[in-house]
PDB file of all heavy atoms in Angstrom:
ATOM      1  N   SER A   1       0.320  15.632   6.450  1.00  0.00           N
ATOM      2  CA  SER A   1      -0.783  15.127   5.647  1.00  0.00           C
ATOM      3  C   SER A   1      -0.940  13.624   5.895  1.00  0.00           C
ATOM      4  O   SER A   1       0.037  12.873   5.863  1.00  0.00           O
ATOM      5  CB  SER A   1      -0.534  15.368   4.150  1.00  0.00           C
ATOM      6  OG  SER A   1      -0.512  16.732   3.850  1.00  0.00           O
ATOM      7  N   ARG A   2      -2.161  13.211   6.132  1.00  0.00           N
ATOM      8  CA  ARG A   2      -2.490  11.812   6.393  1.00  0.00           C
ATOM      9  C   ARG A   2      -3.446  11.347   5.288  1.00  0.00           C
ATOM     10  O   ARG A   2      -4.598  11.757   5.225  1.00  0.00           O
ATOM     11  CB  ARG A   2      -3.137  11.629   7.764  1.00  0.00           C
ATOM     12  CG  ARG A   2      -2.180  11.961   8.914  1.00  0.00           C
ATOM     13  CD  ARG A   2      -2.909  11.963  10.250  1.00  0.00           C
ATOM     14  NE  ARG A   2      -1.991  12.061  11.379  1.00  0.00           N
ATOM     15  CZ  ARG A   2      -1.549  13.205  11.893  1.00  0.00           C
ATOM     16  NH1 ARG A   2      -1.957  14.355  11.367  1.00  0.00           N
ATOM     17  NH2 ARG A   2      -0.713  13.206  12.927  1.00  0.00           N
ATOM     18  N   LEU A   3      -2.932  10.478   4.395  1.00  0.00           N
ATOM     19  CA  LEU A   3      -3.668  10.095   3.203  1.00  0.00           C
ATOM     20  C   LEU A   3      -3.765   8.535   3.100  1.00  0.00           C
ATOM     21  O   LEU A   3      -2.829   7.856   3.488  1.00  0.00           O
ATOM     22  CB  LEU A   3      -2.967  10.620   1.942  1.00  0.00           C
ATOM     23  CG  LEU A   3      -2.648  12.125   1.918  1.00  0.00           C
ATOM     24  CD1 LEU A   3      -1.722  12.447   0.735  1.00  0.00           C
ATOM     25  CD2 LEU A   3      -3.938  12.929   1.807  1.00  0.00           C
ATOM     26  N   PHE A   4      -4.898   8.064   2.584  1.00  0.00           N
ATOM     27  CA  PHE A   4      -4.976   6.625   2.274  1.00  0.00           C
ATOM     28  C   PHE A   4      -5.632   6.440   0.931  1.00  0.00           C
ATOM     29  O   PHE A   4      -6.385   7.262   0.446  1.00  0.00           O
ATOM     30  CB  PHE A   4      -5.699   5.847   3.384  1.00  0.00           C
ATOM     31  CG  PHE A   4      -7.187   6.009   3.439  1.00  0.00           C
ATOM     32  CD1 PHE A   4      -8.026   5.148   2.719  1.00  0.00           C
ATOM     33  CD2 PHE A   4      -7.770   7.009   4.202  1.00  0.00           C
ATOM     34  CE1 PHE A   4      -9.413   5.283   2.798  1.00  0.00           C
ATOM     35  CE2 PHE A   4      -9.148   7.153   4.268  1.00  0.00           C
ATOM     36  CZ  PHE A   4      -9.974   6.273   3.566  1.00  0.00           C
ATOM     37  N   THR A   5      -5.292   5.308   0.292  1.00  0.00           N
ATOM     38  CA  THR A   5      -5.855   4.954  -1.003  1.00  0.00           C
ATOM     39  C   THR A   5      -6.295   3.501  -0.949  1.00  0.00           C
ATOM     40  O   THR A   5      -5.737   2.680  -0.205  1.00  0.00           O
ATOM     41  CB  THR A   5      -4.841   5.123  -2.139  1.00  0.00           C
ATOM     42  OG1 THR A   5      -3.712   4.274  -1.924  1.00  0.00           O
ATOM     43  CG2 THR A   5      -4.354   6.572  -2.256  1.00  0.00           C
ATOM     44  N   ILE A   6      -7.250   3.149  -1.787  1.00  0.00           N
ATOM     45  CA  ILE A   6      -7.733   1.777  -1.924  1.00  0.00           C
ATOM     46  C   ILE A   6      -7.900   1.526  -3.426  1.00  0.00           C
ATOM     47  O   ILE A   6      -8.552   2.303  -4.106  1.00  0.00           O
ATOM     48  CB  ILE A   6      -9.076   1.549  -1.212  1.00  0.00           C
ATOM     49  CG1 ILE A   6      -8.953   1.849   0.289  1.00  0.00           C
ATOM     50  CG2 ILE A   6      -9.573   0.101  -1.420  1.00  0.00           C
ATOM     51  CD1 ILE A   6     -10.279   1.830   1.020  1.00  0.00           C
ATOM     52  N   GLY A   7      -7.336   0.435  -3.941  1.00  0.00           N
ATOM     53  CA  GLY A   7      -7.537   0.154  -5.359  1.00  0.00           C
ATOM     54  C   GLY A   7      -6.599  -0.885  -5.925  1.00  0.00           C
ATOM     55  O   GLY A   7      -5.784  -1.473  -5.208  1.00  0.00           O
ATOM     56  N   PRO A   8      -6.703  -1.117  -7.250  1.00  0.00           N
ATOM     57  CA  PRO A   8      -5.931  -2.166  -7.897  1.00  0.00           C
ATOM     58  C   PRO A   8      -4.511  -1.718  -8.274  1.00  0.00           C
ATOM     59  O   PRO A   8      -4.263  -0.547  -8.602  1.00  0.00           O
ATOM     60  CB  PRO A   8      -6.757  -2.482  -9.173  1.00  0.00           C
ATOM     61  CG  PRO A   8      -7.430  -1.170  -9.465  1.00  0.00           C
ATOM     62  CD  PRO A   8      -7.704  -0.524  -8.147  1.00  0.00           C
ATOM     63  N   MET A   9      -3.594  -2.683  -8.209  1.00  0.00           N
ATOM     64  CA  MET A   9      -2.207  -2.512  -8.672  1.00  0.00           C
ATOM     65  C   MET A   9      -1.930  -3.627  -9.702  1.00  0.00           C
ATOM     66  O   MET A   9      -2.697  -4.593  -9.782  1.00  0.00           O
ATOM     67  CB  MET A   9      -1.209  -2.651  -7.514  1.00  0.00           C
ATOM     68  CG  MET A   9      -1.544  -1.838  -6.282  1.00  0.00           C
ATOM     69  SD  MET A   9      -1.530  -0.063  -6.519  1.00  0.00           S
ATOM     70  CE  MET A   9      -2.689   0.454  -5.241  1.00  0.00           C
ATOM     71  N   PHE A  10      -0.821  -3.519 -10.441  1.00  0.00           N
ATOM     72  CA  PHE A  10      -0.552  -4.434 -11.521  1.00  0.00           C
ATOM     73  C   PHE A  10       0.933  -4.814 -11.543  1.00  0.00           C
ATOM     74  O   PHE A  10       1.794  -3.962 -11.620  1.00  0.00           O
ATOM     75  CB  PHE A  10      -0.931  -3.801 -12.863  1.00  0.00           C
ATOM     76  CG  PHE A  10      -2.361  -3.297 -12.904  1.00  0.00           C
ATOM     77  CD1 PHE A  10      -2.679  -2.047 -12.433  1.00  0.00           C
ATOM     78  CD2 PHE A  10      -3.395  -4.119 -13.382  1.00  0.00           C
ATOM     79  CE1 PHE A  10      -3.970  -1.573 -12.456  1.00  0.00           C
ATOM     80  CE2 PHE A  10      -4.679  -3.655 -13.405  1.00  0.00           C
ATOM     81  CZ  PHE A  10      -4.988  -2.375 -12.935  1.00  0.00           C
ATOM     82  N   ARG A  11       1.188  -6.126 -11.502  1.00  0.00           N
ATOM     83  CA  ARG A  11       2.556  -6.615 -11.650  1.00  0.00           C
ATOM     84  C   ARG A  11       2.559  -7.905 -12.463  1.00  0.00           C
ATOM     85  O   ARG A  11       1.749  -8.818 -12.194  1.00  0.00           O
ATOM     86  CB  ARG A  11       3.229  -6.888 -10.295  1.00  0.00           C
ATOM     87  CG  ARG A  11       3.457  -5.641  -9.461  1.00  0.00           C
ATOM     88  CD  ARG A  11       4.284  -5.915  -8.231  1.00  0.00           C
ATOM     89  NE  ARG A  11       4.283  -4.778  -7.345  1.00  0.00           N
ATOM     90  CZ  ARG A  11       4.976  -4.738  -6.199  1.00  0.00           C
ATOM     91  NH1 ARG A  11       5.688  -5.776  -5.821  1.00  0.00           N
ATOM     92  NH2 ARG A  11       4.929  -3.652  -5.416  1.00  0.00           N
ATOM     93  N   TYR A  12       3.459  -7.964 -13.428  1.00  0.00           N
ATOM     94  CA  TYR A  12       3.550  -9.186 -14.261  1.00  0.00           C
ATOM     95  C   TYR A  12       4.431 -10.185 -13.536  1.00  0.00           C
ATOM     96  O   TYR A  12       5.647 -10.232 -13.708  1.00  0.00           O
ATOM     97  CB  TYR A  12       4.125  -8.857 -15.652  1.00  0.00           C
ATOM     98  CG  TYR A  12       3.997  -9.990 -16.607  1.00  0.00           C
ATOM     99  CD1 TYR A  12       2.824 -10.194 -17.334  1.00  0.00           C
ATOM    100  CD2 TYR A  12       5.022 -10.916 -16.789  1.00  0.00           C
ATOM    101  CE1 TYR A  12       2.686 -11.244 -18.227  1.00  0.00           C
ATOM    102  CE2 TYR A  12       4.890 -11.991 -17.691  1.00  0.00           C
ATOM    103  CZ  TYR A  12       3.726 -12.132 -18.390  1.00  0.00           C
ATOM    104  OH  TYR A  12       3.581 -13.172 -19.272  1.00  0.00           O
ATOM    105  N   GLU A  13       3.811 -10.976 -12.655  1.00  0.00           N
ATOM    106  CA  GLU A  13       4.511 -11.983 -11.912  1.00  0.00           C
ATOM    107  C   GLU A  13       3.670 -13.277 -11.937  1.00  0.00           C
ATOM    108  O   GLU A  13       2.520 -13.246 -12.363  1.00  0.00           O
ATOM    109  CB  GLU A  13       4.786 -11.525 -10.479  1.00  0.00           C
ATOM    110  CG  GLU A  13       3.557 -11.049  -9.727  1.00  0.00           C
ATOM    111  CD  GLU A  13       3.893 -10.375  -8.390  1.00  0.00           C
ATOM    112  OE1 GLU A  13       5.086 -10.246  -8.051  1.00  0.00           O
ATOM    113  OE2 GLU A  13       2.997  -9.969  -7.687  1.00  0.00           O
ATOM    114  N   ARG A  14       4.236 -14.336 -11.430  1.00  0.00           N
ATOM    115  CA  ARG A  14       3.541 -15.619 -11.472  1.00  0.00           C
ATOM    116  C   ARG A  14       2.332 -15.582 -10.560  1.00  0.00           C
ATOM    117  O   ARG A  14       2.466 -15.361  -9.374  1.00  0.00           O
ATOM    118  CB  ARG A  14       4.476 -16.755 -11.065  1.00  0.00           C
ATOM    119  CG  ARG A  14       3.852 -18.158 -11.132  1.00  0.00           C
ATOM    120  CD  ARG A  14       4.878 -19.226 -10.815  1.00  0.00           C
ATOM    121  NE  ARG A  14       5.413 -19.050  -9.462  1.00  0.00           N
ATOM    122  CZ  ARG A  14       4.845 -19.552  -8.363  1.00  0.00           C
ATOM    123  NH1 ARG A  14       3.675 -20.210  -8.465  1.00  0.00           N
ATOM    124  NH2 ARG A  14       5.389 -19.373  -7.194  1.00  0.00           N
ATOM    125  N   PRO A  15       1.118 -15.798 -11.105  1.00  0.00           N
ATOM    126  CA  PRO A  15      -0.082 -15.799 -10.233  1.00  0.00           C
ATOM    127  C   PRO A  15       0.023 -16.933  -9.192  1.00  0.00           C
ATOM    128  O   PRO A  15       0.490 -18.028  -9.503  1.00  0.00           O
ATOM    129  CB  PRO A  15      -1.236 -16.077 -11.205  1.00  0.00           C
ATOM    130  CG  PRO A  15      -0.723 -15.654 -12.565  1.00  0.00           C
ATOM    131  CD  PRO A  15       0.753 -15.968 -12.530  1.00  0.00           C
ATOM    132  N   GLN A  16      -0.361 -16.640  -7.982  1.00  0.00           N
ATOM    133  CA  GLN A  16      -0.291 -17.630  -6.902  1.00  0.00           C
ATOM    134  C   GLN A  16      -1.415 -17.341  -5.918  1.00  0.00           C
ATOM    135  O   GLN A  16      -2.134 -16.351  -6.056  1.00  0.00           O
ATOM    136  CB  GLN A  16       1.061 -17.569  -6.200  1.00  0.00           C
ATOM    137  CG  GLN A  16       1.411 -16.178  -5.682  1.00  0.00           C
ATOM    138  CD  GLN A  16       2.824 -16.112  -5.150  1.00  0.00           C
ATOM    139  OE1 GLN A  16       3.131 -16.745  -4.168  1.00  0.00           O
ATOM    140  NE2 GLN A  16       3.680 -15.333  -5.788  1.00  0.00           N
ATOM    141  N   LYS A  17      -1.543 -18.196  -4.949  1.00  0.00           N
ATOM    142  CA  LYS A  17      -2.586 -18.057  -3.954  1.00  0.00           C
ATOM    143  C   LYS A  17      -2.446 -16.720  -3.240  1.00  0.00           C
ATOM    144  O   LYS A  17      -1.430 -16.419  -2.638  1.00  0.00           O
ATOM    145  CB  LYS A  17      -2.483 -19.192  -2.939  1.00  0.00           C
ATOM    146  CG  LYS A  17      -3.581 -19.251  -1.914  1.00  0.00           C
ATOM    147  CD  LYS A  17      -3.399 -20.443  -0.980  1.00  0.00           C
ATOM    148  CE  LYS A  17      -4.531 -20.510   0.041  1.00  0.00           C
ATOM    149  NZ  LYS A  17      -4.312 -21.635   1.004  1.00  0.00           N
ATOM    150  N   GLY A  18      -3.477 -15.901  -3.342  1.00  0.00           N
ATOM    151  CA  GLY A  18      -3.454 -14.623  -2.642  1.00  0.00           C
ATOM    152  C   GLY A  18      -2.770 -13.498  -3.398  1.00  0.00           C
ATOM    153  O   GLY A  18      -2.626 -12.394  -2.905  1.00  0.00           O
ATOM    154  N   ARG A  19      -2.288 -13.742  -4.629  1.00  0.00           N
ATOM    155  CA  ARG A  19      -1.605 -12.692  -5.387  1.00  0.00           C
ATOM    156  C   ARG A  19      -1.776 -12.930  -6.878  1.00  0.00           C
ATOM    157  O   ARG A  19      -1.220 -13.834  -7.451  1.00  0.00           O
ATOM    158  CB  ARG A  19      -0.117 -12.677  -5.035  1.00  0.00           C
ATOM    159  CG  ARG A  19       0.660 -11.534  -5.687  1.00  0.00           C
ATOM    160  CD  ARG A  19       0.187 -10.162  -5.215  1.00  0.00           C
ATOM    161  NE  ARG A  19       1.101  -9.128  -5.643  1.00  0.00           N
ATOM    162  CZ  ARG A  19       1.896  -8.438  -4.825  1.00  0.00           C
ATOM    163  NH1 ARG A  19       1.895  -8.681  -3.543  1.00  0.00           N
ATOM    164  NH2 ARG A  19       2.708  -7.505  -5.289  1.00  0.00           N
ATOM    165  N   MET A  20      -2.596 -12.057  -7.502  1.00  0.00           N
ATOM    166  CA  MET A  20      -2.800 -12.117  -8.939  1.00  0.00           C
ATOM    167  C   MET A  20      -2.002 -11.012  -9.615  1.00  0.00           C
ATOM    168  O   MET A  20      -1.356 -10.191  -8.955  1.00  0.00           O
ATOM    169  CB  MET A  20      -4.295 -11.974  -9.281  1.00  0.00           C
ATOM    170  CG  MET A  20      -5.176 -13.030  -8.623  1.00  0.00           C
ATOM    171  SD  MET A  20      -4.908 -14.666  -9.294  1.00  0.00           S
ATOM    172  CE  MET A  20      -5.845 -14.561 -10.811  1.00  0.00           C
ATOM    173  N   ARG A  21      -2.021 -10.971 -10.932  1.00  0.00           N
ATOM    174  CA  ARG A  21      -1.317  -9.898 -11.648  1.00  0.00           C
ATOM    175  C   ARG A  21      -2.022  -8.557 -11.491  1.00  0.00           C
ATOM    176  O   ARG A  21      -1.390  -7.522 -11.524  1.00  0.00           O
ATOM    177  CB  ARG A  21      -1.133 -10.304 -13.120  1.00  0.00           C
ATOM    178  CG  ARG A  21      -0.133 -11.413 -13.283  1.00  0.00           C
ATOM    179  CD  ARG A  21      -0.017 -11.941 -14.687  1.00  0.00           C
ATOM    180  NE  ARG A  21       1.054 -12.947 -14.755  1.00  0.00           N
ATOM    181  CZ  ARG A  21       1.286 -13.714 -15.810  1.00  0.00           C
ATOM    182  NH1 ARG A  21       0.524 -13.622 -16.896  1.00  0.00           N
ATOM    183  NH2 ARG A  21       2.261 -14.596 -15.764  1.00  0.00           N
ATOM    184  N   GLN A  22      -3.337  -8.587 -11.401  1.00  0.00           N
ATOM    185  CA  GLN A  22      -4.045  -7.417 -10.882  1.00  0.00           C
ATOM    186  C   GLN A  22      -4.422  -7.767  -9.442  1.00  0.00           C
ATOM    187  O   GLN A  22      -5.157  -8.697  -9.188  1.00  0.00           O
ATOM    188  CB  GLN A  22      -5.302  -7.107 -11.654  1.00  0.00           C
ATOM    189  CG  GLN A  22      -6.094  -5.927 -11.046  1.00  0.00           C
ATOM    190  CD  GLN A  22      -7.361  -5.578 -11.802  1.00  0.00           C
ATOM    191  OE1 GLN A  22      -7.337  -5.369 -12.998  1.00  0.00           O
ATOM    192  NE2 GLN A  22      -8.463  -5.489 -11.104  1.00  0.00           N
ATOM    193  N   PHE A  23      -3.885  -6.991  -8.508  1.00  0.00           N
ATOM    194  CA  PHE A  23      -4.183  -7.221  -7.109  1.00  0.00           C
ATOM    195  C   PHE A  23      -4.564  -5.898  -6.492  1.00  0.00           C
ATOM    196  O   PHE A  23      -4.414  -4.835  -7.080  1.00  0.00           O
ATOM    197  CB  PHE A  23      -2.955  -7.816  -6.381  1.00  0.00           C
ATOM    198  CG  PHE A  23      -1.710  -6.978  -6.461  1.00  0.00           C
ATOM    199  CD1 PHE A  23      -1.332  -6.144  -5.450  1.00  0.00           C
ATOM    200  CD2 PHE A  23      -0.896  -7.040  -7.616  1.00  0.00           C
ATOM    201  CE1 PHE A  23      -0.202  -5.362  -5.517  1.00  0.00           C
ATOM    202  CE2 PHE A  23       0.255  -6.249  -7.703  1.00  0.00           C
ATOM    203  CZ  PHE A  23       0.612  -5.420  -6.654  1.00  0.00           C
ATOM    204  N   HIS A  24      -5.133  -5.967  -5.289  1.00  0.00           N
ATOM    205  CA  HIS A  24      -5.697  -4.789  -4.653  1.00  0.00           C
ATOM    206  C   HIS A  24      -4.999  -4.495  -3.349  1.00  0.00           C
ATOM    207  O   HIS A  24      -4.639  -5.402  -2.618  1.00  0.00           O
ATOM    208  CB  HIS A  24      -7.195  -4.995  -4.419  1.00  0.00           C
ATOM    209  CG  HIS A  24      -7.972  -5.201  -5.691  1.00  0.00           C
ATOM    210  ND1 HIS A  24      -7.975  -6.394  -6.356  1.00  0.00           N
ATOM    211  CD2 HIS A  24      -8.761  -4.345  -6.399  1.00  0.00           C
ATOM    212  CE1 HIS A  24      -8.719  -6.284  -7.448  1.00  0.00           C
ATOM    213  NE2 HIS A  24      -9.212  -5.078  -7.507  1.00  0.00           N
ATOM    214  N   GLN A  25      -4.821  -3.218  -3.072  1.00  0.00           N
ATOM    215  CA  GLN A  25      -4.130  -2.816  -1.857  1.00  0.00           C
ATOM    216  C   GLN A  25      -4.870  -1.710  -1.141  1.00  0.00           C
ATOM    217  O   GLN A  25      -5.564  -0.870  -1.772  1.00  0.00           O
ATOM    218  CB  GLN A  25      -2.705  -2.314  -2.154  1.00  0.00           C
ATOM    219  CG  GLN A  25      -1.733  -3.428  -2.520  1.00  0.00           C
ATOM    220  CD  GLN A  25      -0.300  -2.905  -2.606  1.00  0.00           C
ATOM    221  OE1 GLN A  25      -0.086  -1.719  -2.801  1.00  0.00           O
ATOM    222  NE2 GLN A  25       0.676  -3.806  -2.486  1.00  0.00           N
ATOM    223  N   VAL A  26      -4.726  -1.689   0.180  1.00  0.00           N
ATOM    224  CA  VAL A  26      -5.051  -0.537   1.013  1.00  0.00           C
ATOM    225  C   VAL A  26      -3.729   0.087   1.412  1.00  0.00           C
ATOM    226  O   VAL A  26      -2.850  -0.591   1.925  1.00  0.00           O
ATOM    227  CB  VAL A  26      -5.822  -0.982   2.279  1.00  0.00           C
ATOM    228  CG1 VAL A  26      -6.064   0.205   3.205  1.00  0.00           C
ATOM    229  CG2 VAL A  26      -7.136  -1.649   1.909  1.00  0.00           C
ATOM    230  N   ASN A  27      -3.556   1.378   1.099  1.00  0.00           N
ATOM    231  CA  ASN A  27      -2.304   2.080   1.401  1.00  0.00           C
ATOM    232  C   ASN A  27      -2.555   3.266   2.307  1.00  0.00           C
ATOM    233  O   ASN A  27      -3.548   4.011   2.117  1.00  0.00           O
ATOM    234  CB  ASN A  27      -1.668   2.579   0.122  1.00  0.00           C
ATOM    235  CG  ASN A  27      -1.142   1.460  -0.748  1.00  0.00           C
ATOM    236  OD1 ASN A  27      -1.906   0.739  -1.371  1.00  0.00           O
ATOM    237  ND2 ASN A  27       0.164   1.318  -0.790  1.00  0.00           N
ATOM    238  N   CYS A  28      -1.663   3.510   3.247  1.00  0.00           N
ATOM    239  CA  CYS A  28      -1.699   4.700   4.126  1.00  0.00           C
ATOM    240  C   CYS A  28      -0.360   5.396   4.108  1.00  0.00           C
ATOM    241  O   CYS A  28       0.673   4.714   4.150  1.00  0.00           O
ATOM    242  CB  CYS A  28      -2.055   4.305   5.568  1.00  0.00           C
ATOM    243  SG  CYS A  28      -3.790   3.969   5.826  1.00  0.00           S
ATOM    244  N   GLU A  29      -0.372   6.715   4.035  1.00  0.00           N
ATOM    245  CA  GLU A  29       0.849   7.496   4.064  1.00  0.00           C
ATOM    246  C   GLU A  29       0.679   8.677   5.028  1.00  0.00           C
ATOM    247  O   GLU A  29      -0.293   9.422   4.939  1.00  0.00           O
ATOM    248  CB  GLU A  29       1.157   8.069   2.643  1.00  0.00           C
ATOM    249  CG  GLU A  29       0.840   7.142   1.469  1.00  0.00           C
ATOM    250  CD  GLU A  29       1.780   5.965   1.333  1.00  0.00           C
ATOM    251  OE1 GLU A  29       2.841   5.980   1.993  1.00  0.00           O
ATOM    252  OE2 GLU A  29       1.473   5.045   0.572  1.00  0.00           O
ATOM    253  N   CYS A  30       1.639   8.806   5.941  1.00  0.00           N
ATOM    254  CA  CYS A  30       1.698   9.978   6.861  1.00  0.00           C
ATOM    255  C   CYS A  30       2.911  10.794   6.473  1.00  0.00           C
ATOM    256  O   CYS A  30       4.050  10.346   6.620  1.00  0.00           O
ATOM    257  CB  CYS A  30       1.783   9.504   8.314  1.00  0.00           C
ATOM    258  SG  CYS A  30       1.920  10.852   9.495  1.00  0.00           S
ATOM    259  N   LEU A  31       2.685  11.989   5.932  1.00  0.00           N
ATOM    260  CA  LEU A  31       3.740  12.820   5.344  1.00  0.00           C
ATOM    261  C   LEU A  31       3.954  14.094   6.144  1.00  0.00           C
ATOM    262  O   LEU A  31       2.999  14.811   6.416  1.00  0.00           O
ATOM    263  CB  LEU A  31       3.378  13.154   3.888  1.00  0.00           C
ATOM    264  CG  LEU A  31       2.969  11.952   3.016  1.00  0.00           C
ATOM    265  CD1 LEU A  31       2.486  12.448   1.647  1.00  0.00           C
ATOM    266  CD2 LEU A  31       4.088  10.969   2.883  1.00  0.00           C
ATOM    267  N   GLY A  32       5.198  14.342   6.527  1.00  0.00           N
ATOM    268  CA  GLY A  32       5.522  15.616   7.179  1.00  0.00           C
ATOM    269  C   GLY A  32       6.105  15.490   8.565  1.00  0.00           C
ATOM    270  O   GLY A  32       6.504  16.496   9.154  1.00  0.00           O
ATOM    271  N   SER A  33       6.191  14.271   9.117  1.00  0.00           N
ATOM    272  CA  SER A  33       6.701  14.104  10.483  1.00  0.00           C
ATOM    273  C   SER A  33       7.861  13.129  10.502  1.00  0.00           C
ATOM    274  O   SER A  33       7.775  12.035   9.970  1.00  0.00           O
ATOM    275  CB  SER A  33       5.595  13.615  11.428  1.00  0.00           C
ATOM    276  OG  SER A  33       6.138  13.385  12.722  1.00  0.00           O
ATOM    277  N   GLN A  34       8.971  13.536  11.153  1.00  0.00           N
ATOM    278  CA  GLN A  34      10.100  12.685  11.396  1.00  0.00           C
ATOM    279  C   GLN A  34      10.014  11.902  12.702  1.00  0.00           C
ATOM    280  O   GLN A  34      10.826  11.046  12.993  1.00  0.00           O
ATOM    281  CB  GLN A  34      11.390  13.495  11.398  1.00  0.00           C
ATOM    282  CG  GLN A  34      11.791  14.056  10.046  1.00  0.00           C
ATOM    283  CD  GLN A  34      13.114  14.804  10.108  1.00  0.00           C
ATOM    284  OE1 GLN A  34      13.389  15.513  11.105  1.00  0.00           O
ATOM    285  NE2 GLN A  34      13.939  14.661   9.107  1.00  0.00           N
ATOM    286  N   SER A  35       8.978  12.194  13.497  1.00  0.00           N
ATOM    287  CA  SER A  35       8.896  11.642  14.824  1.00  0.00           C
ATOM    288  C   SER A  35       8.701  10.121  14.791  1.00  0.00           C
ATOM    289  O   SER A  35       7.910   9.601  14.005  1.00  0.00           O
ATOM    290  CB  SER A  35       7.719  12.264  15.589  1.00  0.00           C
ATOM    291  OG  SER A  35       7.481  11.591  16.810  1.00  0.00           O
ATOM    292  N   PRO A  36       9.381   9.425  15.683  1.00  0.00           N
ATOM    293  CA  PRO A  36       9.133   7.972  15.805  1.00  0.00           C
ATOM    294  C   PRO A  36       7.684   7.688  16.248  1.00  0.00           C
ATOM    295  O   PRO A  36       7.186   6.571  16.032  1.00  0.00           O
ATOM    296  CB  PRO A  36      10.156   7.483  16.832  1.00  0.00           C
ATOM    297  CG  PRO A  36      10.533   8.708  17.587  1.00  0.00           C
ATOM    298  CD  PRO A  36      10.442   9.850  16.617  1.00  0.00           C
ATOM    299  N   LEU A  37       7.037   8.676  16.863  1.00  0.00           N
ATOM    300  CA  LEU A  37       5.638   8.479  17.259  1.00  0.00           C
ATOM    301  C   LEU A  37       4.741   8.299  16.040  1.00  0.00           C
ATOM    302  O   LEU A  37       3.749   7.618  16.075  1.00  0.00           O
ATOM    303  CB  LEU A  37       5.150   9.652  18.091  1.00  0.00           C
ATOM    304  CG  LEU A  37       5.899   9.922  19.420  1.00  0.00           C
ATOM    305  CD1 LEU A  37       5.245  11.031  20.177  1.00  0.00           C
ATOM    306  CD2 LEU A  37       5.955   8.652  20.256  1.00  0.00           C
ATOM    307  N   ALA A  38       5.106   8.964  14.888  1.00  0.00           N
ATOM    308  CA  ALA A  38       4.342   8.788  13.678  1.00  0.00           C
ATOM    309  C   ALA A  38       4.448   7.348  13.171  1.00  0.00           C
ATOM    310  O   ALA A  38       3.457   6.758  12.757  1.00  0.00           O
ATOM    311  CB  ALA A  38       4.852   9.753  12.603  1.00  0.00           C
ATOM    312  N   ASP A  39       5.662   6.757  13.278  1.00  0.00           N
ATOM    313  CA  ASP A  39       5.840   5.357  12.881  1.00  0.00           C
ATOM    314  C   ASP A  39       4.971   4.461  13.753  1.00  0.00           C
ATOM    315  O   ASP A  39       4.269   3.591  13.279  1.00  0.00           O
ATOM    316  CB  ASP A  39       7.304   4.943  13.053  1.00  0.00           C
ATOM    317  CG  ASP A  39       8.295   5.804  12.287  1.00  0.00           C
ATOM    318  OD1 ASP A  39       7.980   6.955  12.004  1.00  0.00           O
ATOM    319  OD2 ASP A  39       9.383   5.286  11.972  1.00  0.00           O
ATOM    320  N   ALA A  40       5.060   4.694  15.092  1.00  0.00           N
ATOM    321  CA  ALA A  40       4.356   3.852  16.049  1.00  0.00           C
ATOM    322  C   ALA A  40       2.839   3.959  15.846  1.00  0.00           C
ATOM    323  O   ALA A  40       2.131   2.939  15.867  1.00  0.00           O
ATOM    324  CB  ALA A  40       4.739   4.210  17.474  1.00  0.00           C
TER     325      ALA A  40
END
């Protein structure tokens, strides 16, 4: 399975340049393969 998500995340940490307490991420997950080719 090849899945990606886009959206906000939340961490109570010191706000700084490029990182707020609500921040946004693009995430990708490849599930089901042990092959190093999947990593590459």
